[in-house]
Amino acid sequence: MTALKDLAQVIRSKNSGPFELTFDVMFPDAAAYERAERSGVLSRDLVCRLYGVPSDDIVALLFFRPALAFKFTLRRGWAQGSIGERDTFGAQQHAPLMAIDIP
């Protein structure tokens, strides 16, 4: 088992407009990318559990081979910049992904 933070080259989240957050997990090479994809760990169910969202809140979720990346976009639970906003740039939301174990 390898933690995703040790397998990936980049794990990040960012603002994707006022109503969505997008997440990127980029791998350093084809072998790491294929290992993550084949594992089946990075899935819709995992994202729902990690982020406490229903499946309908996942706008996109895919492995994108040309970039050696796993990507997903979530609907925000609140509008960007609204009262009580905790992370206007969405740059702090990727942390739960880092400890995921990939066989």
PDB file of N, CA and C in Angstrom:
ATOM      1  N   MET A   1       0.850  -1.186   0.000  1.00  0.00           N
ATOM      2  CA  MET A   1       0.000   0.000   0.000  1.00  0.00           C
ATOM      3  C   MET A   1       0.896   1.250   0.000  1.00  0.00           C
ATOM      4  N   THR A   2       0.466   2.225  -0.735  1.00  0.00           N
ATOM      5  CA  THR A   2       1.177   3.503  -0.794  1.00  0.00           C
ATOM      6  C   THR A   2       0.163   4.626  -0.635  1.00  0.00           C
ATOM      7  N   ALA A   3       0.459   5.569   0.231  1.00  0.00           N
ATOM      8  CA  ALA A   3      -0.425   6.730   0.390  1.00  0.00           C
ATOM      9  C   ALA A   3      -0.436   7.523  -0.913  1.00  0.00           C
ATOM     10  N   LEU A   4      -1.598   8.026  -1.266  1.00  0.00           N
ATOM     11  CA  LEU A   4      -1.721   8.787  -2.507  1.00  0.00           C
ATOM     12  C   LEU A   4      -0.740   9.952  -2.541  1.00  0.00           C
ATOM     13  N   LYS A   5      -0.491  10.575  -1.399  1.00  0.00           N
ATOM     14  CA  LYS A   5       0.452  11.702  -1.351  1.00  0.00           C
ATOM     15  C   LYS A   5       1.865  11.290  -1.749  1.00  0.00           C
ATOM     16  N   ASP A   6       2.181  10.006  -1.600  1.00  0.00           N
ATOM     17  CA  ASP A   6       3.506   9.508  -1.971  1.00  0.00           C
ATOM     18  C   ASP A   6       3.548   8.971  -3.406  1.00  0.00           C
ATOM     19  N   LEU A   7       2.394   8.676  -3.960  1.00  0.00           N
ATOM     20  CA  LEU A   7       2.319   8.158  -5.320  1.00  0.00           C
ATOM     21  C   LEU A   7       2.146   9.276  -6.349  1.00  0.00           C
ATOM     22  N   ALA A   8       1.374  10.295  -5.986  1.00  0.00           N
ATOM     23  CA  ALA A   8       1.082  11.398  -6.903  1.00  0.00           C
ATOM     24  C   ALA A   8       2.168  12.466  -6.847  1.00  0.00           C
ATOM     25  N   GLN A   9       2.280  13.202  -7.916  1.00  0.00           N
ATOM     26  CA  GLN A   9       3.211  14.332  -7.954  1.00  0.00           C
ATOM     27  C   GLN A   9       2.527  15.604  -7.456  1.00  0.00           C
ATOM     28  N   VAL A  10       1.235  15.749  -7.765  1.00  0.00           N
ATOM     29  CA  VAL A  10       0.452  16.924  -7.364  1.00  0.00           C
ATOM     30  C   VAL A  10      -0.909  16.450  -6.890  1.00  0.00           C
ATOM     31  N   ILE A  11      -1.347  16.969  -5.755  1.00  0.00           N
ATOM     32  CA  ILE A  11      -2.727  16.806  -5.287  1.00  0.00           C
ATOM     33  C   ILE A  11      -3.184  18.205  -4.926  1.00  0.00           C
ATOM     34  N   ARG A  12      -4.244  18.685  -5.587  1.00  0.00           N
ATOM     35  CA  ARG A  12      -4.672  20.058  -5.326  1.00  0.00           C
ATOM     36  C   ARG A  12      -6.174  20.189  -5.517  1.00  0.00           C
ATOM     37  N   SER A  13      -6.692  21.241  -4.904  1.00  0.00           N
ATOM     38  CA  SER A  13      -8.077  21.634  -5.110  1.00  0.00           C
ATOM     39  C   SER A  13      -8.061  23.115  -5.431  1.00  0.00           C
ATOM     40  N   LYS A  14      -9.091  23.540  -6.165  1.00  0.00           N
ATOM     41  CA  LYS A  14      -9.139  24.950  -6.531  1.00  0.00           C
ATOM     42  C   LYS A  14     -10.559  25.346  -6.889  1.00  0.00           C
ATOM     43  N   ASN A  15     -10.772  26.645  -6.848  1.00  0.00           N
ATOM     44  CA  ASN A  15     -12.040  27.210  -7.226  1.00  0.00           C
ATOM     45  C   ASN A  15     -12.313  26.905  -8.696  1.00  0.00           C
ATOM     46  N   SER A  16     -13.556  26.570  -8.989  1.00  0.00           N
ATOM     47  CA  SER A  16     -13.947  26.309 -10.376  1.00  0.00           C
ATOM     48  C   SER A  16     -15.213  27.121 -10.668  1.00  0.00           C
ATOM     49  N   GLY A  17     -15.152  28.386 -10.324  1.00  0.00           N
ATOM     50  CA  GLY A  17     -16.325  29.251 -10.450  1.00  0.00           C
ATOM     51  C   GLY A  17     -16.997  29.409  -9.100  1.00  0.00           C
ATOM     52  N   PRO A  18     -18.035  30.194  -9.013  1.00  0.00           N
ATOM     53  CA  PRO A  18     -18.641  30.503  -7.715  1.00  0.00           C
ATOM     54  C   PRO A  18     -19.423  29.355  -7.083  1.00  0.00           C
ATOM     55  N   PHE A  19     -19.692  28.288  -7.850  1.00  0.00           N
ATOM     56  CA  PHE A  19     -20.530  27.210  -7.322  1.00  0.00           C
ATOM     57  C   PHE A  19     -19.890  25.830  -7.391  1.00  0.00           C
ATOM     58  N   GLU A  20     -18.609  25.749  -7.750  1.00  0.00           N
ATOM     59  CA  GLU A  20     -17.944  24.451  -7.878  1.00  0.00           C
ATOM     60  C   GLU A  20     -16.493  24.505  -7.403  1.00  0.00           C
ATOM     61  N   LEU A  21     -16.014  23.341  -6.957  1.00  0.00           N
ATOM     62  CA  LEU A  21     -14.603  23.142  -6.619  1.00  0.00           C
ATOM     63  C   LEU A  21     -14.093  22.006  -7.481  1.00  0.00           C
ATOM     64  N   THR A  22     -12.870  22.113  -7.960  1.00  0.00           N
ATOM     65  CA  THR A  22     -12.294  21.040  -8.763  1.00  0.00           C
ATOM     66  C   THR A  22     -11.032  20.506  -8.084  1.00  0.00           C
ATOM     67  N   PHE A  23     -10.791  19.232  -8.271  1.00  0.00           N
ATOM     68  CA  PHE A  23      -9.684  18.529  -7.627  1.00  0.00           C
ATOM     69  C   PHE A  23      -8.863  17.835  -8.695  1.00  0.00           C
ATOM     70  N   ASP A  24      -7.547  17.901  -8.560  1.00  0.00           N
ATOM     71  CA  ASP A  24      -6.632  17.268  -9.501  1.00  0.00           C
ATOM     72  C   ASP A  24      -5.637  16.414  -8.728  1.00  0.00           C
ATOM     73  N   VAL A  25      -5.463  15.190  -9.178  1.00  0.00           N
ATOM     74  CA  VAL A  25      -4.410  14.312  -8.670  1.00  0.00           C
ATOM     75  C   VAL A  25      -3.586  13.954  -9.899  1.00  0.00           C
ATOM     76  N   MET A  26      -2.348  14.457  -9.951  1.00  0.00           N
ATOM     77  CA  MET A  26      -1.494  14.247 -11.119  1.00  0.00           C
ATOM     78  C   MET A  26      -0.323  13.343 -10.750  1.00  0.00           C
ATOM     79  N   PHE A  27      -0.068  12.398 -11.622  1.00  0.00           N
ATOM     80  CA  PHE A  27       0.954  11.385 -11.365  1.00  0.00           C
ATOM     81  C   PHE A  27       2.225  11.680 -12.152  1.00  0.00           C
ATOM     82  N   PRO A  28       3.379  11.260 -11.625  1.00  0.00           N
ATOM     83  CA  PRO A  28       4.652  11.594 -12.268  1.00  0.00           C
ATOM     84  C   PRO A  28       4.948  10.795 -13.534  1.00  0.00           C
ATOM     85  N   ASP A  29       4.302   9.640 -13.655  1.00  0.00           N
ATOM     86  CA  ASP A  29       4.585   8.800 -14.821  1.00  0.00           C
ATOM     87  C   ASP A  29       3.412   7.860 -15.072  1.00  0.00           C
ATOM     88  N   ALA A  30       3.455   7.189 -16.214  1.00  0.00           N
ATOM     89  CA  ALA A  30       2.370   6.294 -16.613  1.00  0.00           C
ATOM     90  C   ALA A  30       2.188   5.136 -15.629  1.00  0.00           C
ATOM     91  N   ALA A  31       3.263   4.646 -15.067  1.00  0.00           N
ATOM     92  CA  ALA A  31       3.170   3.511 -14.135  1.00  0.00           C
ATOM     93  C   ALA A  31       2.359   3.888 -12.891  1.00  0.00           C
ATOM     94  N   ALA A  32       2.634   5.033 -12.330  1.00  0.00           N
ATOM     95  CA  ALA A  32       1.900   5.485 -11.140  1.00  0.00           C
ATOM     96  C   ALA A  32       0.429   5.744 -11.493  1.00  0.00           C
ATOM     97  N   TYR A  33       0.199   6.389 -12.632  1.00  0.00           N
ATOM     98  CA  TYR A  33      -1.161   6.658 -13.098  1.00  0.00           C
ATOM     99  C   TYR A  33      -1.937   5.350 -13.255  1.00  0.00           C
ATOM    100  N   GLU A  34      -1.339   4.386 -13.943  1.00  0.00           N
ATOM    101  CA  GLU A  34      -2.010   3.116 -14.190  1.00  0.00           C
ATOM    102  C   GLU A  34      -2.253   2.344 -12.896  1.00  0.00           C
ATOM    103  N   ARG A  35      -1.324   2.423 -11.975  1.00  0.00           N
ATOM    104  CA  ARG A  35      -1.508   1.760 -10.686  1.00  0.00           C
ATOM    105  C   ARG A  35      -2.737   2.323  -9.981  1.00  0.00           C
ATOM    106  N   ALA A  36      -2.857   3.646  -9.939  1.00  0.00           N
ATOM    107  CA  ALA A  36      -4.004   4.270  -9.286  1.00  0.00           C
ATOM    108  C   ALA A  36      -5.309   3.927 -10.003  1.00  0.00           C
ATOM    109  N   GLU A  37      -5.285   3.989 -11.315  1.00  0.00           N
ATOM    110  CA  GLU A  37      -6.503   3.700 -12.073  1.00  0.00           C
ATOM    111  C   GLU A  37      -6.939   2.241 -11.896  1.00  0.00           C
ATOM    112  N   ARG A  38      -6.004   1.324 -12.016  1.00  0.00           N
ATOM    113  CA  ARG A  38      -6.306  -0.113 -11.883  1.00  0.00           C
ATOM    114  C   ARG A  38      -6.803  -0.477 -10.486  1.00  0.00           C
ATOM    115  N   SER A  39      -6.358   0.255  -9.481  1.00  0.00           N
ATOM    116  CA  SER A  39      -6.724  -0.086  -8.103  1.00  0.00           C
ATOM    117  C   SER A  39      -8.224   0.008  -7.857  1.00  0.00           C
ATOM    118  N   GLY A  40      -8.897   0.905  -8.556  1.00  0.00           N
ATOM    119  CA  GLY A  40     -10.328   1.103  -8.329  1.00  0.00           C
ATOM    120  C   GLY A  40     -10.650   1.889  -7.073  1.00  0.00           C
ATOM    121  N   VAL A  41      -9.631   2.330  -6.365  1.00  0.00           N
ATOM    122  CA  VAL A  41      -9.837   3.047  -5.109  1.00  0.00           C
ATOM    123  C   VAL A  41     -10.414   4.446  -5.343  1.00  0.00           C
ATOM    124  N   LEU A  42      -9.895   5.144  -6.333  1.00  0.00           N
ATOM    125  CA  LEU A  42     -10.356   6.510  -6.613  1.00  0.00           C
ATOM    126  C   LEU A  42     -11.669   6.415  -7.381  1.00  0.00           C
ATOM    127  N   SER A  43     -12.767   6.543  -6.636  1.00  0.00           N
ATOM    128  CA  SER A  43     -14.087   6.275  -7.198  1.00  0.00           C
ATOM    129  C   SER A  43     -15.113   7.300  -6.710  1.00  0.00           C
ATOM    130  N   ARG A  44     -16.269   7.232  -7.327  1.00  0.00           N
ATOM    131  CA  ARG A  44     -17.403   8.083  -6.932  1.00  0.00           C
ATOM    132  C   ARG A  44     -17.768   7.830  -5.467  1.00  0.00           C
ATOM    133  N   ASP A  45     -17.817   6.565  -5.069  1.00  0.00           N
ATOM    134  CA  ASP A  45     -18.154   6.234  -3.677  1.00  0.00           C
ATOM    135  C   ASP A  45     -17.150   6.833  -2.706  1.00  0.00           C
ATOM    136  N   LEU A  46     -15.867   6.743  -3.039  1.00  0.00           N
ATOM    137  CA  LEU A  46     -14.837   7.309  -2.171  1.00  0.00           C
ATOM    138  C   LEU A  46     -15.026   8.820  -2.021  1.00  0.00           C
ATOM    139  N   VAL A  47     -15.238   9.527  -3.118  1.00  0.00           N
ATOM    140  CA  VAL A  47     -15.420  10.979  -3.074  1.00  0.00           C
ATOM    141  C   VAL A  47     -16.639  11.331  -2.227  1.00  0.00           C
ATOM    142  N   CYS A  48     -17.726  10.601  -2.393  1.00  0.00           N
ATOM    143  CA  CYS A  48     -18.926  10.860  -1.588  1.00  0.00           C
ATOM    144  C   CYS A  48     -18.643  10.693  -0.102  1.00  0.00           C
ATOM    145  N   ARG A  49     -17.929   9.634   0.250  1.00  0.00           N
ATOM    146  CA  ARG A  49     -17.595   9.390   1.667  1.00  0.00           C
ATOM    147  C   ARG A  49     -16.646  10.451   2.209  1.00  0.00           C
ATOM    148  N   LEU A  50     -15.581  10.744   1.475  1.00  0.00           N
ATOM    149  CA  LEU A  50     -14.580  11.702   1.953  1.00  0.00           C
ATOM    150  C   LEU A  50     -15.150  13.107   2.153  1.00  0.00           C
ATOM    151  N   TYR A  51     -16.015  13.514   1.227  1.00  0.00           N
ATOM    152  CA  TYR A  51     -16.499  14.895   1.247  1.00  0.00           C
ATOM    153  C   TYR A  51     -17.931  15.029   1.746  1.00  0.00           C
ATOM    154  N   GLY A  52     -18.532  13.918   2.145  1.00  0.00           N
ATOM    155  CA  GLY A  52     -19.874  13.963   2.718  1.00  0.00           C
ATOM    156  C   GLY A  52     -20.902  14.550   1.770  1.00  0.00           C
ATOM    157  N   VAL A  53     -20.796  14.178   0.496  1.00  0.00           N
ATOM    158  CA  VAL A  53     -21.717  14.717  -0.509  1.00  0.00           C
ATOM    159  C   VAL A  53     -22.490  13.573  -1.163  1.00  0.00           C
ATOM    160  N   PRO A  54     -23.704  13.870  -1.638  1.00  0.00           N
ATOM    161  CA  PRO A  54     -24.415  12.865  -2.414  1.00  0.00           C
ATOM    162  C   PRO A  54     -23.807  12.767  -3.812  1.00  0.00           C
ATOM    163  N   SER A  55     -24.019  11.646  -4.454  1.00  0.00           N
ATOM    164  CA  SER A  55     -23.468  11.424  -5.789  1.00  0.00           C
ATOM    165  C   SER A  55     -23.886  12.518  -6.772  1.00  0.00           C
ATOM    166  N   ASP A  56     -25.064  13.077  -6.595  1.00  0.00           N
ATOM    167  CA  ASP A  56     -25.552  14.139  -7.486  1.00  0.00           C
ATOM    168  C   ASP A  56     -24.712  15.406  -7.417  1.00  0.00           C
ATOM    169  N   ASP A  57     -23.946  15.581  -6.338  1.00  0.00           N
ATOM    170  CA  ASP A  57     -23.095  16.775  -6.205  1.00  0.00           C
ATOM    171  C   ASP A  57     -21.762  16.626  -6.940  1.00  0.00           C
ATOM    172  N   ILE A  58     -21.504  15.459  -7.504  1.00  0.00           N
ATOM    173  CA  ILE A  58     -20.292  15.258  -8.308  1.00  0.00           C
ATOM    174  C   ILE A  58     -20.626  15.645  -9.743  1.00  0.00           C
ATOM    175  N   VAL A  59     -20.042  16.739 -10.187  1.00  0.00           N
ATOM    176  CA  VAL A  59     -20.295  17.254 -11.531  1.00  0.00           C
ATOM    177  C   VAL A  59     -19.515  16.443 -12.564  1.00  0.00           C
ATOM    178  N   ALA A  60     -18.280  16.084 -12.245  1.00  0.00           N
ATOM    179  CA  ALA A  60     -17.423  15.299 -13.135  1.00  0.00           C
ATOM    180  C   ALA A  60     -16.481  14.467 -12.285  1.00  0.00           C
ATOM    181  N   LEU A  61     -16.108  13.297 -12.792  1.00  0.00           N
ATOM    182  CA  LEU A  61     -15.153  12.430 -12.110  1.00  0.00           C
ATOM    183  C   LEU A  61     -14.546  11.526 -13.179  1.00  0.00           C
ATOM    184  N   LEU A  62     -13.228  11.645 -13.393  1.00  0.00           N
ATOM    185  CA  LEU A  62     -12.619  10.886 -14.474  1.00  0.00           C
ATOM    186  C   LEU A  62     -11.113  10.738 -14.308  1.00  0.00           C
ATOM    187  N   PHE A  63     -10.613   9.694 -14.918  1.00  0.00           N
ATOM    188  CA  PHE A  63      -9.175   9.552 -15.135  1.00  0.00           C
ATOM    189  C   PHE A  63      -8.914  10.154 -16.509  1.00  0.00           C
ATOM    190  N   PHE A  64      -7.899  10.997 -16.615  1.00  0.00           N
ATOM    191  CA  PHE A  64      -7.590  11.694 -17.865  1.00  0.00           C
ATOM    192  C   PHE A  64      -6.157  11.366 -18.258  1.00  0.00           C
ATOM    193  N   ARG A  65      -6.006  10.339 -19.080  1.00  0.00           N
ATOM    194  CA  ARG A  65      -4.691   9.817 -19.434  1.00  0.00           C
ATOM    195  C   ARG A  65      -3.742  10.851 -20.042  1.00  0.00           C
ATOM    196  N   PRO A  66      -4.189  11.749 -20.954  1.00  0.00           N
ATOM    197  CA  PRO A  66      -3.241  12.709 -21.545  1.00  0.00           C
ATOM    198  C   PRO A  66      -2.497  13.552 -20.501  1.00  0.00           C
ATOM    199  N   ALA A  67      -3.114  13.770 -19.357  1.00  0.00           N
ATOM    200  CA  ALA A  67      -2.463  14.544 -18.288  1.00  0.00           C
ATOM    201  C   ALA A  67      -1.965  13.648 -17.158  1.00  0.00           C
ATOM    202  N   LEU A  68      -2.120  12.318 -17.299  1.00  0.00           N
ATOM    203  CA  LEU A  68      -1.779  11.372 -16.219  1.00  0.00           C
ATOM    204  C   LEU A  68      -2.424  11.834 -14.915  1.00  0.00           C
ATOM    205  N   ALA A  69      -3.742  12.080 -14.973  1.00  0.00           N
ATOM    206  CA  ALA A  69      -4.434  12.686 -13.838  1.00  0.00           C
ATOM    207  C   ALA A  69      -5.779  12.030 -13.547  1.00  0.00           C
ATOM    208  N   PHE A  70      -6.156  12.106 -12.296  1.00  0.00           N
ATOM    209  CA  PHE A  70      -7.507  11.796 -11.831  1.00  0.00           C
ATOM    210  C   PHE A  70      -8.105  13.131 -11.449  1.00  0.00           C
ATOM    211  N   LYS A  71      -9.308  13.416 -11.927  1.00  0.00           N
ATOM    212  CA  LYS A  71      -9.903  14.730 -11.705  1.00  0.00           C
ATOM    213  C   LYS A  71     -11.369  14.563 -11.297  1.00  0.00           C
ATOM    214  N   PHE A  72     -11.821  15.462 -10.428  1.00  0.00           N
ATOM    215  CA  PHE A  72     -13.252  15.516 -10.150  1.00  0.00           C
ATOM    216  C   PHE A  72     -13.646  16.931  -9.757  1.00  0.00           C
ATOM    217  N   THR A  73     -14.922  17.225  -9.973  1.00  0.00           N
ATOM    218  CA  THR A  73     -15.478  18.538  -9.642  1.00  0.00           C
ATOM    219  C   THR A  73     -16.723  18.320  -8.806  1.00  0.00           C
ATOM    220  N   LEU A  74     -16.818  19.092  -7.711  1.00  0.00           N
ATOM    221  CA  LEU A  74     -17.965  19.027  -6.806  1.00  0.00           C
ATOM    222  C   LEU A  74     -18.723  20.348  -6.811  1.00  0.00           C
ATOM    223  N   ARG A  75     -20.020  20.259  -6.627  1.00  0.00           N
ATOM    224  CA  ARG A  75     -20.801  21.470  -6.362  1.00  0.00           C
ATOM    225  C   ARG A  75     -20.430  21.953  -4.967  1.00  0.00           C
ATOM    226  N   ARG A  76     -20.279  23.251  -4.815  1.00  0.00           N
ATOM    227  CA  ARG A  76     -20.009  23.820  -3.495  1.00  0.00           C
ATOM    228  C   ARG A  76     -21.278  23.754  -2.644  1.00  0.00           C
ATOM    229  N   GLY A  77     -21.107  23.590  -1.364  1.00  0.00           N
ATOM    230  CA  GLY A  77     -22.238  23.614  -0.431  1.00  0.00           C
ATOM    231  C   GLY A  77     -22.704  25.034  -0.141  1.00  0.00           C
ATOM    232  N   TRP A  78     -21.952  26.000  -0.602  1.00  0.00           N
ATOM    233  CA  TRP A  78     -22.250  27.418  -0.413  1.00  0.00           C
ATOM    234  C   TRP A  78     -21.593  28.171  -1.570  1.00  0.00           C
ATOM    235  N   ALA A  79     -22.116  29.327  -1.878  1.00  0.00           N
ATOM    236  CA  ALA A  79     -21.538  30.116  -2.973  1.00  0.00           C
ATOM    237  C   ALA A  79     -20.210  30.732  -2.547  1.00  0.00           C
ATOM    238  N   GLN A  80     -19.275  30.789  -3.475  1.00  0.00           N
ATOM    239  CA  GLN A  80     -17.980  31.405  -3.201  1.00  0.00           C
ATOM    240  C   GLN A  80     -18.188  32.840  -2.739  1.00  0.00           C
ATOM    241  N   GLY A  81     -17.502  33.207  -1.663  1.00  0.00           N
ATOM    242  CA  GLY A  81     -17.549  34.571  -1.148  1.00  0.00           C
ATOM    243  C   GLY A  81     -18.785  34.892  -0.327  1.00  0.00           C
ATOM    244  N   SER A  82     -19.642  33.898  -0.102  1.00  0.00           N
ATOM    245  CA  SER A  82     -20.843  34.166   0.683  1.00  0.00           C
ATOM    246  C   SER A  82     -20.482  34.281   2.167  1.00  0.00           C
ATOM    247  N   ILE A  83     -21.391  34.779   2.950  1.00  0.00           N
ATOM    248  CA  ILE A  83     -21.164  34.919   4.400  1.00  0.00           C
ATOM    249  C   ILE A  83     -20.858  33.543   4.978  1.00  0.00           C
ATOM    250  N   GLY A  84     -19.805  33.473   5.756  1.00  0.00           N
ATOM    251  CA  GLY A  84     -19.384  32.221   6.367  1.00  0.00           C
ATOM    252  C   GLY A  84     -18.463  31.391   5.482  1.00  0.00           C
ATOM    253  N   GLU A  85     -18.107  31.921   4.332  1.00  0.00           N
ATOM    254  CA  GLU A  85     -17.189  31.218   3.423  1.00  0.00           C
ATOM    255  C   GLU A  85     -15.920  30.834   4.163  1.00  0.00           C
ATOM    256  N   ARG A  86     -15.488  29.586   4.008  1.00  0.00           N
ATOM    257  CA  ARG A  86     -14.310  29.097   4.733  1.00  0.00           C
ATOM    258  C   ARG A  86     -13.073  28.990   3.855  1.00  0.00           C
ATOM    259  N   ASP A  87     -13.254  28.960   2.543  1.00  0.00           N
ATOM    260  CA  ASP A  87     -12.102  28.757   1.656  1.00  0.00           C
ATOM    261  C   ASP A  87     -12.456  29.290   0.271  1.00  0.00           C
ATOM    262  N   THR A  88     -12.415  30.587   0.127  1.00  0.00           N
ATOM    263  CA  THR A  88     -12.897  31.220  -1.098  1.00  0.00           C
ATOM    264  C   THR A  88     -12.195  30.739  -2.359  1.00  0.00           C
ATOM    265  N   PHE A  89     -10.932  30.338  -2.255  1.00  0.00           N
ATOM    266  CA  PHE A  89     -10.202  29.864  -3.424  1.00  0.00           C
ATOM    267  C   PHE A  89     -10.264  28.344  -3.584  1.00  0.00           C
ATOM    268  N   GLY A  90     -10.846  27.665  -2.618  1.00  0.00           N
ATOM    269  CA  GLY A  90     -10.958  26.215  -2.689  1.00  0.00           C
ATOM    270  C   GLY A  90      -9.626  25.496  -2.574  1.00  0.00           C
ATOM    271  N   ALA A  91      -8.608  26.177  -2.128  1.00  0.00           N
ATOM    272  CA  ALA A  91      -7.250  25.648  -2.135  1.00  0.00           C
ATOM    273  C   ALA A  91      -6.909  24.766  -0.926  1.00  0.00           C
ATOM    274  N   GLN A  92      -7.857  24.574  -0.025  1.00  0.00           N
ATOM    275  CA  GLN A  92      -7.568  23.785   1.166  1.00  0.00           C
ATOM    276  C   GLN A  92      -8.424  22.528   1.269  1.00  0.00           C
ATOM    277  N   GLN A  93      -9.082  22.170   0.206  1.00  0.00           N
ATOM    278  CA  GLN A  93     -10.046  21.067   0.271  1.00  0.00           C
ATOM    279  C   GLN A  93      -9.481  19.711  -0.139  1.00  0.00           C
ATOM    280  N   HIS A  94      -8.269  19.671  -0.614  1.00  0.00           N
ATOM    281  CA  HIS A  94      -7.679  18.424  -1.110  1.00  0.00           C
ATOM    282  C   HIS A  94      -7.103  17.522  -0.018  1.00  0.00           C
ATOM    283  N   ALA A  95      -6.944  18.017   1.180  1.00  0.00           N
ATOM    284  CA  ALA A  95      -6.254  17.280   2.241  1.00  0.00           C
ATOM    285  C   ALA A  95      -6.792  15.867   2.477  1.00  0.00           C
ATOM    286  N   PRO A  96      -8.108  15.618   2.468  1.00  0.00           N
ATOM    287  CA  PRO A  96      -8.571  14.256   2.702  1.00  0.00           C
ATOM    288  C   PRO A  96      -8.074  13.225   1.686  1.00  0.00           C
ATOM    289  N   LEU A  97      -7.708  13.667   0.511  1.00  0.00           N
ATOM    290  CA  LEU A  97      -7.206  12.743  -0.512  1.00  0.00           C
ATOM    291  C   LEU A  97      -5.811  12.231  -0.205  1.00  0.00           C
ATOM    292  N   MET A  98      -5.035  12.989   0.535  1.00  0.00           N
ATOM    293  CA  MET A  98      -3.617  12.689   0.704  1.00  0.00           C
ATOM    294  C   MET A  98      -3.348  11.346   1.395  1.00  0.00           C
ATOM    295  N   ALA A  99      -4.213  10.955   2.307  1.00  0.00           N
ATOM    296  CA  ALA A  99      -3.978   9.733   3.089  1.00  0.00           C
ATOM    297  C   ALA A  99      -4.609   8.488   2.485  1.00  0.00           C
ATOM    298  N   ILE A 100      -5.248   8.610   1.334  1.00  0.00           N
ATOM    299  CA  ILE A 100      -5.856   7.447   0.692  1.00  0.00           C
ATOM    300  C   ILE A 100      -4.766   6.434   0.357  1.00  0.00           C
ATOM    301  N   ASP A 101      -4.999   5.176   0.668  1.00  0.00           N
ATOM    302  CA  ASP A 101      -4.029   4.123   0.355  1.00  0.00           C
ATOM    303  C   ASP A 101      -4.343   3.490  -0.993  1.00  0.00           C
ATOM    304  N   ILE A 102      -3.318   3.366  -1.813  1.00  0.00           N
ATOM    305  CA  ILE A 102      -3.439   2.726  -3.113  1.00  0.00           C
ATOM    306  C   ILE A 102      -2.628   1.432  -3.070  1.00  0.00           C
ATOM    307  N   PRO A 103      -3.289   0.304  -3.329  1.00  0.00           N
ATOM    308  CA  PRO A 103      -2.545  -0.976  -3.300  1.00  0.00           C
ATOM    309  C   PRO A 103      -1.552  -1.086  -4.462  1.00  0.00           C
TER     310      PRO A 103
END
